[in-house]
Amino acid sequence: MDTALFFLFSTIEYMVIFYLLITLFRRKFIEYLGSSIYISMGLSLLSYVLRFDLNLENVAIIVQMLFFISSICIVWKVQWFYAGIMTIISYSTYLVIQGFCVLILKVTGIIELVSFLDKQNHSVTLIGYVLQGASVILCLLICLFIKKFGYGWSFVPDGEGDVKYSEPTNKAFLLIMVCTTAAFGSIAYLSGMGNIIFFVVVLLLSASVLGLFFHITNKRELKEND
């Protein structure tokens, strides 16, 4: 039962990340529903193996991001560069949302900054499920806000096209993708240490890097529309 709950909540989380990705990049969710469910289930299985079978909780986020990018490349036939942009922006946005949920719950005294996993039963603790639920609800509300005000980007092409890596914007994308991935990998490590000060510092830095990512993405969108 505990394992089934882990897979259920984990799959829902990944589906919400996909919904955020599709909303941000102005695609129709219904067209990607089947593949999103399929990939989300694969990510849930990967998450379970990394956290409980291999005890690699601190690097799970990085591995899952790479799996996410690869899945979009293979299943959606998107060029890896654009798949990386789509994945890291949406995944990182969700992690920032979840990070601030953790911070709020910590400041209000509801939780301690410790692992939300129940290693003995191969599942998530009750407060872990509360955190997942709060993050999912907040993310869905943000998606509704994005849709209502027409925010998002449409510069990502369908299919596997050539990318001009020599362009300044694309160089910036590559640098920010590396920095963002490293920042969120640090969050996973520091949250496991239970150090609230380092956690807050890295969370704010990660949010700042993500904000820069959004800025560059907006510039790319404006360039494509010129």
N, C-alpha and C. Protein backbone atom coordinates (compact mmCIF):
# COMPACT_ATOMS: atom_id res chain seq x y z
N MET A 1 0.83 -1.21 0.00
CA MET A 1 0.00 0.00 0.00
C MET A 1 0.87 1.26 0.00
N ASP A 2 1.92 1.26 0.85
CA ASP A 2 2.81 2.42 0.91
C ASP A 2 3.49 2.67 -0.42
N THR A 3 3.93 1.58 -1.06
CA THR A 3 4.59 1.71 -2.36
C THR A 3 3.63 2.22 -3.42
N ALA A 4 2.39 1.73 -3.38
CA ALA A 4 1.37 2.17 -4.33
C ALA A 4 1.10 3.67 -4.18
N LEU A 5 1.04 4.14 -2.93
CA LEU A 5 0.83 5.57 -2.69
C LEU A 5 1.99 6.40 -3.22
N PHE A 6 3.20 5.89 -3.03
CA PHE A 6 4.38 6.59 -3.55
C PHE A 6 4.26 6.77 -5.06
N PHE A 7 3.94 5.68 -5.78
CA PHE A 7 3.83 5.74 -7.23
C PHE A 7 2.69 6.66 -7.66
N LEU A 8 1.57 6.63 -6.95
CA LEU A 8 0.42 7.47 -7.29
C LEU A 8 0.77 8.95 -7.15
N PHE A 9 1.28 9.34 -5.98
CA PHE A 9 1.58 10.75 -5.74
C PHE A 9 2.73 11.23 -6.64
N SER A 10 3.71 10.36 -6.84
CA SER A 10 4.85 10.71 -7.68
C SER A 10 4.41 10.92 -9.13
N THR A 11 3.55 10.03 -9.63
CA THR A 11 3.06 10.16 -11.00
C THR A 11 2.24 11.43 -11.17
N ILE A 12 1.41 11.75 -10.18
CA ILE A 12 0.62 12.99 -10.23
C ILE A 12 1.55 14.21 -10.28
N GLU A 13 2.60 14.18 -9.47
CA GLU A 13 3.56 15.29 -9.47
C GLU A 13 4.18 15.50 -10.85
N TYR A 14 4.63 14.42 -11.45
CA TYR A 14 5.25 14.54 -12.77
C TYR A 14 4.25 14.97 -13.83
N MET A 15 3.02 14.52 -13.71
CA MET A 15 1.99 14.96 -14.65
C MET A 15 1.76 16.47 -14.54
N VAL A 16 1.81 16.99 -13.32
CA VAL A 16 1.65 18.43 -13.12
C VAL A 16 2.84 19.19 -13.72
N ILE A 17 4.04 18.63 -13.58
CA ILE A 17 5.22 19.26 -14.20
C ILE A 17 5.05 19.30 -15.72
N PHE A 18 4.54 18.21 -16.29
CA PHE A 18 4.27 18.18 -17.73
C PHE A 18 3.21 19.22 -18.11
N TYR A 19 2.20 19.35 -17.27
CA TYR A 19 1.15 20.33 -17.54
C TYR A 19 1.72 21.74 -17.50
N LEU A 20 2.61 21.99 -16.56
CA LEU A 20 3.28 23.28 -16.48
C LEU A 20 4.13 23.52 -17.72
N LEU A 21 4.88 22.51 -18.15
CA LEU A 21 5.72 22.61 -19.35
C LEU A 21 4.87 22.93 -20.58
N ILE A 22 3.79 22.19 -20.75
CA ILE A 22 2.93 22.38 -21.91
C ILE A 22 2.24 23.74 -21.88
N THR A 23 1.89 24.20 -20.67
CA THR A 23 1.28 25.52 -20.52
C THR A 23 2.27 26.62 -20.86
N LEU A 24 3.50 26.52 -20.34
CA LEU A 24 4.52 27.54 -20.59
C LEU A 24 4.90 27.62 -22.06
N PHE A 25 4.93 26.48 -22.72
CA PHE A 25 5.36 26.46 -24.12
C PHE A 25 4.19 26.34 -25.10
N ARG A 26 3.00 26.73 -24.61
CA ARG A 26 1.82 26.92 -25.44
C ARG A 26 1.50 25.73 -26.35
N ARG A 27 1.41 24.57 -25.73
CA ARG A 27 1.02 23.37 -26.46
C ARG A 27 -0.30 22.86 -25.91
N LYS A 28 -0.95 21.99 -26.66
CA LYS A 28 -2.23 21.46 -26.24
C LYS A 28 -2.02 20.20 -25.40
N PHE A 29 -2.46 20.26 -24.15
CA PHE A 29 -2.20 19.17 -23.22
C PHE A 29 -2.80 17.85 -23.69
N ILE A 30 -3.99 17.91 -24.29
CA ILE A 30 -4.67 16.68 -24.70
C ILE A 30 -3.85 15.91 -25.73
N GLU A 31 -3.08 16.63 -26.56
CA GLU A 31 -2.27 15.97 -27.58
C GLU A 31 -1.09 15.20 -26.99
N TYR A 32 -0.70 15.57 -25.77
CA TYR A 32 0.45 14.95 -25.13
C TYR A 32 0.06 14.15 -23.89
N LEU A 33 -1.24 13.98 -23.69
CA LEU A 33 -1.71 13.33 -22.46
C LEU A 33 -1.17 11.91 -22.32
N GLY A 34 -1.33 11.10 -23.36
CA GLY A 34 -0.89 9.71 -23.29
C GLY A 34 0.59 9.57 -23.03
N SER A 35 1.40 10.31 -23.79
CA SER A 35 2.85 10.22 -23.62
C SER A 35 3.28 10.79 -22.27
N SER A 36 2.55 11.82 -21.78
CA SER A 36 2.88 12.40 -20.48
C SER A 36 2.66 11.40 -19.35
N ILE A 37 1.57 10.65 -19.43
CA ILE A 37 1.29 9.61 -18.43
C ILE A 37 2.38 8.54 -18.47
N TYR A 38 2.71 8.11 -19.67
CA TYR A 38 3.73 7.07 -19.87
C TYR A 38 5.08 7.50 -19.27
N ILE A 39 5.52 8.72 -19.61
CA ILE A 39 6.81 9.21 -19.12
C ILE A 39 6.76 9.44 -17.61
N SER A 40 5.64 9.94 -17.10
CA SER A 40 5.49 10.19 -15.66
C SER A 40 5.61 8.90 -14.87
N MET A 41 5.03 7.83 -15.38
CA MET A 41 5.14 6.53 -14.71
C MET A 41 6.58 6.04 -14.72
N GLY A 42 7.27 6.28 -15.83
CA GLY A 42 8.68 5.91 -15.91
C GLY A 42 9.53 6.71 -14.93
N LEU A 43 9.23 7.99 -14.80
CA LEU A 43 9.95 8.84 -13.84
C LEU A 43 9.68 8.41 -12.40
N SER A 44 8.45 8.00 -12.13
CA SER A 44 8.11 7.52 -10.78
C SER A 44 8.90 6.26 -10.44
N LEU A 45 9.00 5.36 -11.41
CA LEU A 45 9.77 4.14 -11.19
C LEU A 45 11.25 4.47 -10.98
N LEU A 46 11.77 5.39 -11.79
CA LEU A 46 13.17 5.81 -11.65
C LEU A 46 13.39 6.44 -10.28
N SER A 47 12.47 7.29 -9.84
CA SER A 47 12.56 7.94 -8.54
C SER A 47 12.60 6.91 -7.42
N TYR A 48 11.76 5.90 -7.52
CA TYR A 48 11.69 4.85 -6.50
C TYR A 48 13.01 4.08 -6.41
N VAL A 49 13.54 3.69 -7.58
CA VAL A 49 14.79 2.92 -7.62
C VAL A 49 15.95 3.74 -7.06
N LEU A 50 16.05 5.01 -7.47
CA LEU A 50 17.15 5.86 -7.01
C LEU A 50 17.11 6.09 -5.51
N ARG A 51 15.90 6.30 -4.97
CA ARG A 51 15.78 6.67 -3.57
C ARG A 51 15.79 5.48 -2.62
N PHE A 52 15.19 4.38 -3.01
CA PHE A 52 15.03 3.27 -2.08
C PHE A 52 15.94 2.07 -2.38
N ASP A 53 16.17 1.79 -3.66
CA ASP A 53 17.00 0.64 -4.00
C ASP A 53 18.49 0.98 -4.06
N LEU A 54 18.80 2.18 -4.58
CA LEU A 54 20.20 2.57 -4.75
C LEU A 54 20.67 3.60 -3.72
N ASN A 55 19.74 4.15 -2.93
CA ASN A 55 20.08 5.17 -1.92
C ASN A 55 20.83 6.35 -2.52
N LEU A 56 20.35 6.82 -3.67
CA LEU A 56 20.97 7.95 -4.36
C LEU A 56 20.04 9.16 -4.34
N GLU A 57 19.43 9.41 -3.21
CA GLU A 57 18.45 10.50 -3.08
C GLU A 57 19.03 11.85 -3.46
N ASN A 58 20.31 12.10 -3.11
CA ASN A 58 20.90 13.41 -3.33
C ASN A 58 21.18 13.73 -4.80
N VAL A 59 21.24 12.71 -5.64
CA VAL A 59 21.48 12.97 -7.07
C VAL A 59 20.25 12.63 -7.91
N ALA A 60 19.16 12.29 -7.24
CA ALA A 60 17.96 11.86 -7.96
C ALA A 60 17.43 12.94 -8.91
N ILE A 61 17.44 14.21 -8.45
CA ILE A 61 16.91 15.29 -9.28
C ILE A 61 17.67 15.41 -10.60
N ILE A 62 19.00 15.33 -10.52
CA ILE A 62 19.82 15.46 -11.74
C ILE A 62 19.52 14.32 -12.70
N VAL A 63 19.48 13.10 -12.19
CA VAL A 63 19.21 11.93 -13.04
C VAL A 63 17.82 12.01 -13.65
N GLN A 64 16.85 12.45 -12.86
CA GLN A 64 15.48 12.56 -13.35
C GLN A 64 15.35 13.63 -14.43
N MET A 65 16.08 14.74 -14.27
CA MET A 65 16.07 15.78 -15.30
C MET A 65 16.62 15.23 -16.62
N LEU A 66 17.70 14.47 -16.55
CA LEU A 66 18.29 13.88 -17.75
C LEU A 66 17.33 12.89 -18.40
N PHE A 67 16.64 12.10 -17.58
CA PHE A 67 15.63 11.16 -18.10
C PHE A 67 14.49 11.93 -18.75
N PHE A 68 14.08 13.01 -18.12
CA PHE A 68 12.99 13.87 -18.62
C PHE A 68 13.36 14.40 -20.01
N ILE A 69 14.58 14.96 -20.12
CA ILE A 69 15.04 15.51 -21.39
C ILE A 69 15.09 14.43 -22.47
N SER A 70 15.66 13.28 -22.12
CA SER A 70 15.77 12.18 -23.08
C SER A 70 14.40 11.71 -23.55
N SER A 71 13.45 11.66 -22.63
CA SER A 71 12.10 11.20 -22.98
C SER A 71 11.43 12.15 -23.96
N ILE A 72 11.59 13.46 -23.74
CA ILE A 72 10.99 14.44 -24.64
C ILE A 72 11.64 14.35 -26.02
N CYS A 73 12.96 14.15 -26.02
CA CYS A 73 13.66 13.99 -27.31
C CYS A 73 13.14 12.78 -28.09
N ILE A 74 13.01 11.66 -27.40
CA ILE A 74 12.66 10.41 -28.06
C ILE A 74 11.17 10.33 -28.37
N VAL A 75 10.32 10.64 -27.39
CA VAL A 75 8.88 10.46 -27.54
C VAL A 75 8.23 11.62 -28.30
N TRP A 76 8.64 12.86 -27.97
CA TRP A 76 8.03 14.03 -28.62
C TRP A 76 8.80 14.49 -29.86
N LYS A 77 9.96 13.87 -30.11
CA LYS A 77 10.79 14.22 -31.27
C LYS A 77 11.21 15.70 -31.26
N VAL A 78 11.62 16.17 -30.08
CA VAL A 78 12.10 17.54 -29.94
C VAL A 78 13.63 17.52 -29.86
N GLN A 79 14.28 18.45 -30.53
CA GLN A 79 15.74 18.53 -30.51
C GLN A 79 16.23 18.67 -29.07
N TRP A 80 17.31 18.01 -28.71
CA TRP A 80 17.73 17.90 -27.31
C TRP A 80 17.95 19.28 -26.67
N PHE A 81 18.45 20.26 -27.44
CA PHE A 81 18.69 21.60 -26.91
C PHE A 81 17.37 22.21 -26.41
N TYR A 82 16.34 22.13 -27.24
CA TYR A 82 15.04 22.67 -26.86
C TYR A 82 14.37 21.82 -25.78
N ALA A 83 14.59 20.51 -25.84
CA ALA A 83 14.06 19.63 -24.79
C ALA A 83 14.68 20.00 -23.44
N GLY A 84 15.96 20.37 -23.47
CA GLY A 84 16.63 20.80 -22.24
C GLY A 84 16.04 22.08 -21.69
N ILE A 85 15.77 23.04 -22.59
CA ILE A 85 15.17 24.30 -22.16
C ILE A 85 13.79 24.05 -21.55
N MET A 86 12.97 23.27 -22.24
CA MET A 86 11.60 22.99 -21.78
C MET A 86 11.61 22.27 -20.43
N THR A 87 12.48 21.27 -20.32
CA THR A 87 12.54 20.47 -19.10
C THR A 87 13.04 21.28 -17.92
N ILE A 88 14.17 21.94 -18.09
CA ILE A 88 14.80 22.61 -16.96
C ILE A 88 13.97 23.79 -16.46
N ILE A 89 13.34 24.53 -17.39
CA ILE A 89 12.49 25.63 -16.96
C ILE A 89 11.29 25.12 -16.16
N SER A 90 10.59 24.11 -16.69
CA SER A 90 9.37 23.62 -16.03
C SER A 90 9.71 22.86 -14.74
N TYR A 91 10.70 21.98 -14.81
CA TYR A 91 11.09 21.19 -13.64
C TYR A 91 11.61 22.11 -12.52
N SER A 92 12.44 23.07 -12.91
CA SER A 92 13.02 23.98 -11.93
C SER A 92 11.96 24.90 -11.33
N THR A 93 11.01 25.32 -12.14
CA THR A 93 9.92 26.16 -11.63
C THR A 93 9.14 25.40 -10.57
N TYR A 94 8.87 24.12 -10.85
CA TYR A 94 8.15 23.31 -9.86
C TYR A 94 8.97 23.14 -8.59
N LEU A 95 10.27 22.95 -8.73
CA LEU A 95 11.13 22.77 -7.56
C LEU A 95 11.21 24.05 -6.73
N VAL A 96 11.20 25.21 -7.40
CA VAL A 96 11.18 26.48 -6.65
C VAL A 96 9.87 26.59 -5.87
N ILE A 97 8.76 26.26 -6.53
CA ILE A 97 7.45 26.27 -5.85
C ILE A 97 7.49 25.35 -4.63
N GLN A 98 8.01 24.15 -4.82
CA GLN A 98 8.08 23.19 -3.71
C GLN A 98 9.05 23.66 -2.64
N GLY A 99 10.15 24.27 -3.05
CA GLY A 99 11.13 24.79 -2.09
C GLY A 99 10.53 25.85 -1.19
N PHE A 100 9.75 26.77 -1.77
CA PHE A 100 9.12 27.80 -0.96
C PHE A 100 8.01 27.22 -0.09
N CYS A 101 7.35 26.15 -0.55
CA CYS A 101 6.37 25.46 0.30
C CYS A 101 7.07 24.86 1.52
N VAL A 102 8.25 24.26 1.30
CA VAL A 102 9.04 23.70 2.40
C VAL A 102 9.41 24.81 3.38
N LEU A 103 9.85 25.94 2.83
CA LEU A 103 10.28 27.06 3.67
C LEU A 103 9.12 27.59 4.52
N ILE A 104 7.95 27.73 3.90
CA ILE A 104 6.78 28.23 4.63
C ILE A 104 6.38 27.26 5.74
N LEU A 105 6.38 25.97 5.42
CA LEU A 105 6.02 24.96 6.42
C LEU A 105 7.04 24.92 7.55
N LYS A 106 8.31 25.18 7.20
CA LYS A 106 9.36 25.20 8.21
C LYS A 106 9.22 26.42 9.12
N VAL A 107 9.04 27.59 8.52
CA VAL A 107 8.94 28.84 9.29
C VAL A 107 7.72 28.82 10.22
N THR A 108 6.64 28.24 9.75
CA THR A 108 5.42 28.17 10.57
C THR A 108 5.49 27.07 11.62
N GLY A 109 6.58 26.29 11.60
CA GLY A 109 6.76 25.25 12.62
C GLY A 109 6.01 23.96 12.35
N ILE A 110 5.45 23.82 11.13
CA ILE A 110 4.68 22.61 10.82
C ILE A 110 5.60 21.42 10.59
N ILE A 111 6.78 21.68 10.00
CA ILE A 111 7.71 20.59 9.70
C ILE A 111 9.12 20.98 10.12
N GLU A 112 9.97 19.97 10.18
CA GLU A 112 11.41 20.16 10.31
C GLU A 112 12.02 19.89 8.94
N LEU A 113 13.17 20.54 8.67
CA LEU A 113 13.82 20.36 7.38
C LEU A 113 14.63 19.06 7.39
N VAL A 114 13.92 17.97 7.25
CA VAL A 114 14.55 16.65 7.24
C VAL A 114 14.01 15.89 6.02
N SER A 115 14.47 14.67 5.83
CA SER A 115 14.01 13.87 4.71
C SER A 115 12.52 13.59 4.84
N PHE A 116 11.84 13.67 3.72
CA PHE A 116 10.41 13.38 3.69
C PHE A 116 10.14 11.94 3.28
N LEU A 117 11.20 11.14 3.23
CA LEU A 117 11.05 9.74 2.83
C LEU A 117 11.03 8.81 4.03
N ASP A 118 10.20 7.78 3.93
CA ASP A 118 10.15 6.72 4.92
C ASP A 118 10.90 5.53 4.34
N LYS A 119 12.22 5.49 4.58
CA LYS A 119 13.06 4.46 3.96
C LYS A 119 12.66 3.05 4.39
N GLN A 120 12.19 2.92 5.62
CA GLN A 120 11.85 1.59 6.12
C GLN A 120 10.69 0.96 5.35
N ASN A 121 9.69 1.79 5.03
CA ASN A 121 8.52 1.29 4.31
C ASN A 121 8.53 1.61 2.82
N HIS A 122 9.67 2.11 2.34
CA HIS A 122 9.81 2.46 0.92
C HIS A 122 8.66 3.37 0.46
N SER A 123 8.46 4.45 1.19
CA SER A 123 7.37 5.35 0.87
C SER A 123 7.73 6.77 1.32
N VAL A 124 6.72 7.63 1.31
CA VAL A 124 6.87 9.02 1.73
C VAL A 124 6.15 9.20 3.06
N THR A 125 6.69 10.06 3.91
CA THR A 125 6.03 10.32 5.20
C THR A 125 4.75 11.12 4.97
N LEU A 126 3.91 11.19 5.99
CA LEU A 126 2.65 11.92 5.88
C LEU A 126 2.90 13.38 5.51
N ILE A 127 3.86 14.01 6.17
CA ILE A 127 4.14 15.42 5.87
C ILE A 127 4.70 15.56 4.45
N GLY A 128 5.35 14.51 3.97
CA GLY A 128 5.84 14.50 2.59
C GLY A 128 4.68 14.55 1.60
N TYR A 129 3.63 13.77 1.89
CA TYR A 129 2.44 13.81 1.03
C TYR A 129 1.74 15.16 1.11
N VAL A 130 1.74 15.77 2.30
CA VAL A 130 1.15 17.11 2.46
C VAL A 130 1.92 18.11 1.59
N LEU A 131 3.25 18.01 1.62
CA LEU A 131 4.09 18.89 0.81
C LEU A 131 3.82 18.69 -0.68
N GLN A 132 3.74 17.43 -1.11
CA GLN A 132 3.46 17.15 -2.51
C GLN A 132 2.10 17.73 -2.93
N GLY A 133 1.11 17.52 -2.07
CA GLY A 133 -0.23 18.03 -2.37
C GLY A 133 -0.25 19.55 -2.47
N ALA A 134 0.41 20.22 -1.53
CA ALA A 134 0.46 21.69 -1.54
C ALA A 134 1.18 22.20 -2.79
N SER A 135 2.27 21.53 -3.16
CA SER A 135 3.04 21.95 -4.34
C SER A 135 2.23 21.77 -5.62
N VAL A 136 1.52 20.65 -5.70
CA VAL A 136 0.70 20.36 -6.89
C VAL A 136 -0.41 21.40 -7.04
N ILE A 137 -1.10 21.70 -5.96
CA ILE A 137 -2.20 22.66 -5.99
C ILE A 137 -1.69 24.05 -6.39
N LEU A 138 -0.59 24.48 -5.77
CA LEU A 138 -0.02 25.80 -6.08
C LEU A 138 0.43 25.87 -7.53
N CYS A 139 1.04 24.79 -8.03
CA CYS A 139 1.51 24.76 -9.41
C CYS A 139 0.33 24.84 -10.38
N LEU A 140 -0.75 24.13 -10.09
CA LEU A 140 -1.93 24.18 -10.95
C LEU A 140 -2.54 25.58 -10.97
N LEU A 141 -2.54 26.25 -9.82
CA LEU A 141 -3.05 27.62 -9.76
C LEU A 141 -2.19 28.56 -10.61
N ILE A 142 -0.89 28.35 -10.58
CA ILE A 142 0.02 29.16 -11.39
C ILE A 142 -0.23 28.90 -12.88
N CYS A 143 -0.48 27.64 -13.24
CA CYS A 143 -0.80 27.29 -14.63
C CYS A 143 -2.07 28.00 -15.09
N LEU A 144 -3.07 28.05 -14.23
CA LEU A 144 -4.31 28.76 -14.56
C LEU A 144 -4.05 30.25 -14.75
N PHE A 145 -3.18 30.80 -13.92
CA PHE A 145 -2.80 32.21 -14.03
C PHE A 145 -2.09 32.46 -15.37
N ILE A 146 -1.18 31.56 -15.74
CA ILE A 146 -0.44 31.68 -17.00
C ILE A 146 -1.41 31.64 -18.18
N LYS A 147 -2.35 30.71 -18.14
CA LYS A 147 -3.33 30.59 -19.23
C LYS A 147 -4.22 31.83 -19.31
N LYS A 148 -4.65 32.31 -18.17
CA LYS A 148 -5.57 33.44 -18.12
C LYS A 148 -4.96 34.70 -18.74
N PHE A 149 -3.67 34.92 -18.48
CA PHE A 149 -3.02 36.13 -18.96
C PHE A 149 -2.18 35.90 -20.22
N GLY A 150 -2.25 34.69 -20.77
CA GLY A 150 -1.60 34.42 -22.04
C GLY A 150 -0.09 34.44 -22.01
N TYR A 151 0.49 34.11 -20.85
CA TYR A 151 1.94 34.10 -20.74
C TYR A 151 2.48 32.80 -21.34
N GLY A 152 3.73 32.83 -21.76
CA GLY A 152 4.35 31.62 -22.29
C GLY A 152 5.13 31.91 -23.55
N TRP A 153 5.69 30.85 -24.15
CA TRP A 153 6.55 30.99 -25.32
C TRP A 153 6.16 29.97 -26.39
N SER A 154 6.46 30.33 -27.63
CA SER A 154 6.12 29.44 -28.74
C SER A 154 7.29 29.27 -29.72
N PHE A 155 8.50 29.60 -29.28
CA PHE A 155 9.65 29.56 -30.19
C PHE A 155 10.22 28.15 -30.39
N VAL A 156 9.80 27.19 -29.54
CA VAL A 156 10.35 25.83 -29.66
C VAL A 156 9.72 25.15 -30.88
N PRO A 157 10.54 24.75 -31.86
CA PRO A 157 9.99 24.14 -33.08
C PRO A 157 9.65 22.66 -32.87
N ASP A 158 8.74 22.18 -33.70
CA ASP A 158 8.45 20.74 -33.72
C ASP A 158 9.52 20.04 -34.54
N GLY A 159 9.82 18.80 -34.15
CA GLY A 159 10.80 18.05 -34.91
C GLY A 159 12.23 18.37 -34.51
N GLU A 160 13.17 17.69 -35.14
CA GLU A 160 14.58 17.84 -34.81
C GLU A 160 15.26 18.73 -35.84
N GLY A 161 15.35 20.01 -35.51
CA GLY A 161 16.02 20.96 -36.40
C GLY A 161 17.42 21.27 -35.92
N ASP A 162 18.16 22.00 -36.77
CA ASP A 162 19.52 22.40 -36.39
C ASP A 162 19.47 23.59 -35.44
N VAL A 163 20.44 23.62 -34.53
CA VAL A 163 20.54 24.72 -33.57
C VAL A 163 21.87 25.42 -33.80
N LYS A 164 21.83 26.75 -33.89
CA LYS A 164 23.05 27.54 -34.06
C LYS A 164 23.62 27.87 -32.69
N TYR A 165 24.54 27.02 -32.24
CA TYR A 165 25.10 27.19 -30.90
C TYR A 165 26.01 28.40 -30.79
N SER A 166 26.40 28.96 -31.93
CA SER A 166 27.27 30.13 -31.90
C SER A 166 26.51 31.41 -31.55
N GLU A 167 25.18 31.37 -31.64
CA GLU A 167 24.38 32.56 -31.31
C GLU A 167 24.50 32.88 -29.82
N PRO A 168 24.64 34.16 -29.48
CA PRO A 168 24.79 34.55 -28.07
C PRO A 168 23.66 34.05 -27.17
N THR A 169 22.43 34.09 -27.67
CA THR A 169 21.29 33.64 -26.86
C THR A 169 21.39 32.15 -26.55
N ASN A 170 21.79 31.37 -27.55
CA ASN A 170 21.92 29.93 -27.35
C ASN A 170 23.08 29.59 -26.42
N LYS A 171 24.17 30.36 -26.51
CA LYS A 171 25.28 30.17 -25.56
C LYS A 171 24.81 30.46 -24.13
N ALA A 172 24.02 31.52 -24.00
CA ALA A 172 23.48 31.87 -22.68
C ALA A 172 22.57 30.77 -22.16
N PHE A 173 21.75 30.20 -23.05
CA PHE A 173 20.87 29.09 -22.67
C PHE A 173 21.68 27.92 -22.12
N LEU A 174 22.74 27.55 -22.83
CA LEU A 174 23.56 26.42 -22.39
C LEU A 174 24.17 26.67 -21.02
N LEU A 175 24.70 27.87 -20.81
CA LEU A 175 25.32 28.22 -19.53
C LEU A 175 24.29 28.19 -18.40
N ILE A 176 23.12 28.78 -18.65
CA ILE A 176 22.08 28.84 -17.62
C ILE A 176 21.53 27.45 -17.32
N MET A 177 21.44 26.59 -18.33
CA MET A 177 20.96 25.23 -18.10
C MET A 177 21.89 24.48 -17.14
N VAL A 178 23.19 24.64 -17.35
CA VAL A 178 24.17 23.99 -16.47
C VAL A 178 24.08 24.55 -15.06
N CYS A 179 24.00 25.89 -14.95
CA CYS A 179 23.95 26.54 -13.63
C CYS A 179 22.67 26.17 -12.89
N THR A 180 21.55 26.13 -13.60
CA THR A 180 20.27 25.81 -12.97
C THR A 180 20.27 24.38 -12.45
N THR A 181 20.78 23.45 -13.27
CA THR A 181 20.84 22.05 -12.87
C THR A 181 21.72 21.88 -11.63
N ALA A 182 22.87 22.55 -11.61
CA ALA A 182 23.77 22.48 -10.47
C ALA A 182 23.13 23.06 -9.22
N ALA A 183 22.40 24.17 -9.38
CA ALA A 183 21.76 24.84 -8.24
C ALA A 183 20.72 23.94 -7.60
N PHE A 184 19.91 23.29 -8.41
CA PHE A 184 18.85 22.46 -7.84
C PHE A 184 19.39 21.12 -7.31
N GLY A 185 20.51 20.69 -7.88
CA GLY A 185 21.18 19.53 -7.29
C GLY A 185 21.68 19.86 -5.89
N SER A 186 22.14 21.10 -5.71
CA SER A 186 22.61 21.56 -4.40
C SER A 186 21.46 21.64 -3.40
N ILE A 187 20.29 22.06 -3.87
CA ILE A 187 19.12 22.13 -2.98
C ILE A 187 18.80 20.75 -2.43
N ALA A 188 18.82 19.75 -3.33
CA ALA A 188 18.51 18.38 -2.89
C ALA A 188 19.49 17.93 -1.83
N TYR A 189 20.77 18.23 -2.02
CA TYR A 189 21.79 17.82 -1.07
C TYR A 189 21.64 18.53 0.27
N LEU A 190 21.46 19.86 0.22
CA LEU A 190 21.39 20.66 1.44
C LEU A 190 20.11 20.40 2.23
N SER A 191 19.01 20.10 1.54
CA SER A 191 17.77 19.80 2.26
C SER A 191 17.91 18.49 3.02
N GLY A 192 18.69 17.57 2.45
CA GLY A 192 18.94 16.31 3.15
C GLY A 192 19.81 16.51 4.38
N MET A 193 20.66 17.55 4.39
CA MET A 193 21.51 17.84 5.55
C MET A 193 20.72 18.48 6.68
N GLY A 194 19.57 19.07 6.33
CA GLY A 194 18.73 19.71 7.36
C GLY A 194 19.24 21.08 7.78
N ASN A 195 20.09 21.72 6.96
CA ASN A 195 20.63 23.04 7.29
C ASN A 195 19.74 24.11 6.66
N ILE A 196 18.93 24.77 7.47
CA ILE A 196 17.94 25.71 6.96
C ILE A 196 18.58 26.94 6.35
N ILE A 197 19.72 27.40 6.92
CA ILE A 197 20.36 28.61 6.40
C ILE A 197 20.90 28.38 5.00
N PHE A 198 21.65 27.31 4.82
CA PHE A 198 22.18 26.99 3.50
C PHE A 198 21.04 26.72 2.52
N PHE A 199 20.00 26.05 3.00
CA PHE A 199 18.85 25.74 2.14
C PHE A 199 18.23 27.03 1.60
N VAL A 200 18.02 28.01 2.48
CA VAL A 200 17.40 29.28 2.07
C VAL A 200 18.29 30.02 1.08
N VAL A 201 19.60 30.06 1.36
CA VAL A 201 20.54 30.76 0.47
C VAL A 201 20.52 30.14 -0.92
N VAL A 202 20.62 28.81 -0.99
CA VAL A 202 20.65 28.14 -2.29
C VAL A 202 19.30 28.26 -2.99
N LEU A 203 18.21 28.21 -2.22
CA LEU A 203 16.88 28.36 -2.82
C LEU A 203 16.73 29.73 -3.48
N LEU A 204 17.18 30.78 -2.79
CA LEU A 204 17.10 32.14 -3.34
C LEU A 204 18.00 32.30 -4.56
N LEU A 205 19.20 31.71 -4.49
CA LEU A 205 20.10 31.75 -5.64
C LEU A 205 19.50 31.00 -6.83
N SER A 206 18.88 29.85 -6.54
CA SER A 206 18.26 29.06 -7.60
C SER A 206 17.11 29.81 -8.23
N ALA A 207 16.31 30.48 -7.40
CA ALA A 207 15.19 31.28 -7.92
C ALA A 207 15.71 32.43 -8.78
N SER A 208 16.85 33.00 -8.39
CA SER A 208 17.44 34.09 -9.17
C SER A 208 17.94 33.59 -10.52
N VAL A 209 18.60 32.43 -10.51
CA VAL A 209 19.08 31.84 -11.76
C VAL A 209 17.90 31.50 -12.67
N LEU A 210 16.83 30.97 -12.07
CA LEU A 210 15.64 30.65 -12.85
C LEU A 210 15.02 31.92 -13.43
N GLY A 211 15.04 33.01 -12.66
CA GLY A 211 14.54 34.28 -13.16
C GLY A 211 15.34 34.76 -14.37
N LEU A 212 16.66 34.56 -14.33
CA LEU A 212 17.51 34.91 -15.46
C LEU A 212 17.17 34.04 -16.67
N PHE A 213 16.88 32.76 -16.40
CA PHE A 213 16.48 31.82 -17.45
C PHE A 213 15.20 32.33 -18.14
N PHE A 214 14.23 32.77 -17.34
CA PHE A 214 12.99 33.31 -17.87
C PHE A 214 13.27 34.55 -18.73
N HIS A 215 14.18 35.41 -18.25
CA HIS A 215 14.51 36.63 -18.98
C HIS A 215 15.10 36.31 -20.35
N ILE A 216 16.04 35.37 -20.40
CA ILE A 216 16.65 34.99 -21.68
C ILE A 216 15.61 34.35 -22.60
N THR A 217 14.72 33.55 -22.02
CA THR A 217 13.68 32.91 -22.81
C THR A 217 12.73 33.96 -23.41
N ASN A 218 12.41 34.99 -22.63
CA ASN A 218 11.57 36.07 -23.15
C ASN A 218 12.26 36.80 -24.30
N LYS A 219 13.57 37.02 -24.16
CA LYS A 219 14.33 37.68 -25.22
C LYS A 219 14.31 36.84 -26.49
N ARG A 220 14.43 35.52 -26.33
CA ARG A 220 14.39 34.63 -27.49
C ARG A 220 13.02 34.67 -28.16
N GLU A 221 11.97 34.71 -27.36
CA GLU A 221 10.61 34.78 -27.90
C GLU A 221 10.41 36.07 -28.70
N LEU A 222 10.89 37.19 -28.16
CA LEU A 222 10.76 38.47 -28.86
C LEU A 222 11.54 38.46 -30.17
N LYS A 223 12.72 37.83 -30.14
CA LYS A 223 13.54 37.75 -31.35
C LYS A 223 12.83 36.94 -32.42
N GLU A 224 12.19 35.83 -32.02
CA GLU A 224 11.49 34.97 -32.99
C GLU A 224 10.28 35.68 -33.58
N ASN A 225 9.69 36.61 -32.82
CA ASN A 225 8.48 37.30 -33.29
C ASN A 225 8.78 38.55 -34.10
N ASP A 226 10.06 38.96 -34.13
CA ASP A 226 10.44 40.15 -34.91
C ASP A 226 10.38 39.87 -36.42
